[in-house]
Amino acid sequence: MAQILSLDEILSLLKGIDVALRMLQAKSEYRDIETTEEFTSSNDFNLLDVIHTLGEVVEAIERFQSAQNPEGNGL
């Protein structure tokens, strides 16, 4: 069953994921893994790229929210 999320719930989820990814990136164990020769990805993106992209998505949603409600009364 599909659940419909509000924009605020979507933003909360994305921001929570951002925090979790930043905590992961800060761990020396993860950085050690990422620097090994065996750690590869098909597109050469790394965790920091994902964090930055996620931040851009959050900013885009916030701009959309502001455009939909210029008075700032919330959705």
C-alpha atoms as a PDB file:
ATOM      1  CA  MET A   1       0.000   0.000   0.000  1.00  0.00           C
ATOM      2  CA  ALA A   2       1.396   3.391  -1.001  1.00  0.00           C
ATOM      3  CA  GLN A   3       1.606   6.027   1.676  1.00  0.00           C
ATOM      4  CA  ILE A   4       1.327   9.679   0.721  1.00  0.00           C
ATOM      5  CA  LEU A   5       3.906  11.886   2.415  1.00  0.00           C
ATOM      6  CA  SER A   6       3.627  15.615   2.942  1.00  0.00           C
ATOM      7  CA  LEU A   7       6.417  17.907   1.771  1.00  0.00           C
ATOM      8  CA  ASP A   8       7.444  18.434   5.389  1.00  0.00           C
ATOM      9  CA  GLU A   9       7.687  14.666   5.913  1.00  0.00           C
ATOM     10  CA  ILE A  10       9.737  14.274   2.729  1.00  0.00           C
ATOM     11  CA  LEU A  11      12.092  17.043   3.844  1.00  0.00           C
ATOM     12  CA  SER A  12      12.422  15.476   7.292  1.00  0.00           C
ATOM     13  CA  LEU A  13      13.315  12.117   5.761  1.00  0.00           C
ATOM     14  CA  LEU A  14      15.874  13.616   3.380  1.00  0.00           C
ATOM     15  CA  LYS A  15      17.461  15.699   6.134  1.00  0.00           C
ATOM     16  CA  GLY A  16      17.649  12.618   8.362  1.00  0.00           C
ATOM     17  CA  ILE A  17      19.366  10.677   5.588  1.00  0.00           C
ATOM     18  CA  ASP A  18      21.796  13.578   5.162  1.00  0.00           C
ATOM     19  CA  VAL A  19      22.689  13.436   8.859  1.00  0.00           C
ATOM     20  CA  ALA A  20      23.176   9.652   8.720  1.00  0.00           C
ATOM     21  CA  LEU A  21      25.408   9.890   5.630  1.00  0.00           C
ATOM     22  CA  ARG A  22      27.505  12.631   7.218  1.00  0.00           C
ATOM     23  CA  MET A  23      27.947  10.483  10.338  1.00  0.00           C
ATOM     24  CA  LEU A  24      29.021   7.569   8.132  1.00  0.00           C
ATOM     25  CA  GLN A  25      31.465   9.731   6.192  1.00  0.00           C
ATOM     26  CA  ALA A  26      33.031  10.969   9.435  1.00  0.00           C
ATOM     27  CA  LYS A  27      33.870   7.428  10.554  1.00  0.00           C
ATOM     28  CA  SER A  28      37.514   6.533   9.953  1.00  0.00           C
ATOM     29  CA  GLU A  29      36.491   2.941   9.198  1.00  0.00           C
ATOM     30  CA  TYR A  30      34.371   4.100   6.273  1.00  0.00           C
ATOM     31  CA  ARG A  31      37.090   6.434   4.962  1.00  0.00           C
ATOM     32  CA  ASP A  32      39.562   3.528   5.143  1.00  0.00           C
ATOM     33  CA  ILE A  33      37.206   1.355   3.070  1.00  0.00           C
ATOM     34  CA  GLU A  34      36.588   4.111   0.527  1.00  0.00           C
ATOM     35  CA  THR A  35      40.318   4.585  -0.100  1.00  0.00           C
ATOM     36  CA  THR A  36      41.000   0.932  -0.888  1.00  0.00           C
ATOM     37  CA  GLU A  37      41.570  -0.272  -4.415  1.00  0.00           C
ATOM     38  CA  GLU A  38      38.663  -2.699  -4.090  1.00  0.00           C
ATOM     39  CA  PHE A  39      36.157   0.072  -3.389  1.00  0.00           C
ATOM     40  CA  THR A  40      34.871   1.140  -6.784  1.00  0.00           C
ATOM     41  CA  SER A  41      31.640   2.405  -8.256  1.00  0.00           C
ATOM     42  CA  SER A  42      30.488   2.438 -11.843  1.00  0.00           C
ATOM     43  CA  ASN A  43      30.196   6.245 -11.943  1.00  0.00           C
ATOM     44  CA  ASP A  44      33.113   7.343  -9.704  1.00  0.00           C
ATOM     45  CA  PHE A  45      30.748   9.067  -7.269  1.00  0.00           C
ATOM     46  CA  ASN A  46      31.655   8.935  -3.613  1.00  0.00           C
ATOM     47  CA  LEU A  47      29.677   9.491  -0.446  1.00  0.00           C
ATOM     48  CA  LEU A  48      30.437  13.215  -0.380  1.00  0.00           C
ATOM     49  CA  ASP A  49      28.966  13.548  -3.888  1.00  0.00           C
ATOM     50  CA  VAL A  50      25.792  11.868  -2.651  1.00  0.00           C
ATOM     51  CA  ILE A  51      25.613  14.193   0.358  1.00  0.00           C
ATOM     52  CA  HIS A  52      25.999  17.260  -1.869  1.00  0.00           C
ATOM     53  CA  THR A  53      23.378  15.981  -4.306  1.00  0.00           C
ATOM     54  CA  LEU A  54      20.963  15.258  -1.485  1.00  0.00           C
ATOM     55  CA  GLY A  55      21.488  18.818  -0.241  1.00  0.00           C
ATOM     56  CA  GLU A  56      20.619  20.144  -3.697  1.00  0.00           C
ATOM     57  CA  VAL A  57      17.408  18.093  -3.721  1.00  0.00           C
ATOM     58  CA  VAL A  58      16.442  19.473  -0.292  1.00  0.00           C
ATOM     59  CA  GLU A  59      17.143  23.027  -1.469  1.00  0.00           C
ATOM     60  CA  ALA A  60      15.054  22.485  -4.614  1.00  0.00           C
ATOM     61  CA  ILE A  61      12.121  21.197  -2.568  1.00  0.00           C
ATOM     62  CA  GLU A  62      12.402  24.159  -0.204  1.00  0.00           C
ATOM     63  CA  ARG A  63      12.423  26.570  -3.192  1.00  0.00           C
ATOM     64  CA  PHE A  64       9.353  24.777  -4.575  1.00  0.00           C
ATOM     65  CA  GLN A  65       7.655  25.105  -1.189  1.00  0.00           C
ATOM     66  CA  SER A  66       8.438  28.829  -1.060  1.00  0.00           C
ATOM     67  CA  ALA A  67       7.169  29.367  -4.609  1.00  0.00           C
ATOM     68  CA  GLN A  68       3.921  27.555  -3.809  1.00  0.00           C
ATOM     69  CA  ASN A  69       3.345  29.638  -0.709  1.00  0.00           C
ATOM     70  CA  PRO A  70       5.082  33.028  -0.982  1.00  0.00           C
ATOM     71  CA  GLU A  71       3.390  34.333   2.176  1.00  0.00           C
ATOM     72  CA  GLY A  72       5.192  31.691   4.242  1.00  0.00           C
ATOM     73  CA  ASN A  73       2.021  30.333   5.819  1.00  0.00           C
ATOM     74  CA  GLY A  74       3.097  26.689   5.396  1.00  0.00           C
ATOM     75  CA  LEU A  75       1.486  24.083   3.192  1.00  0.00           C
END
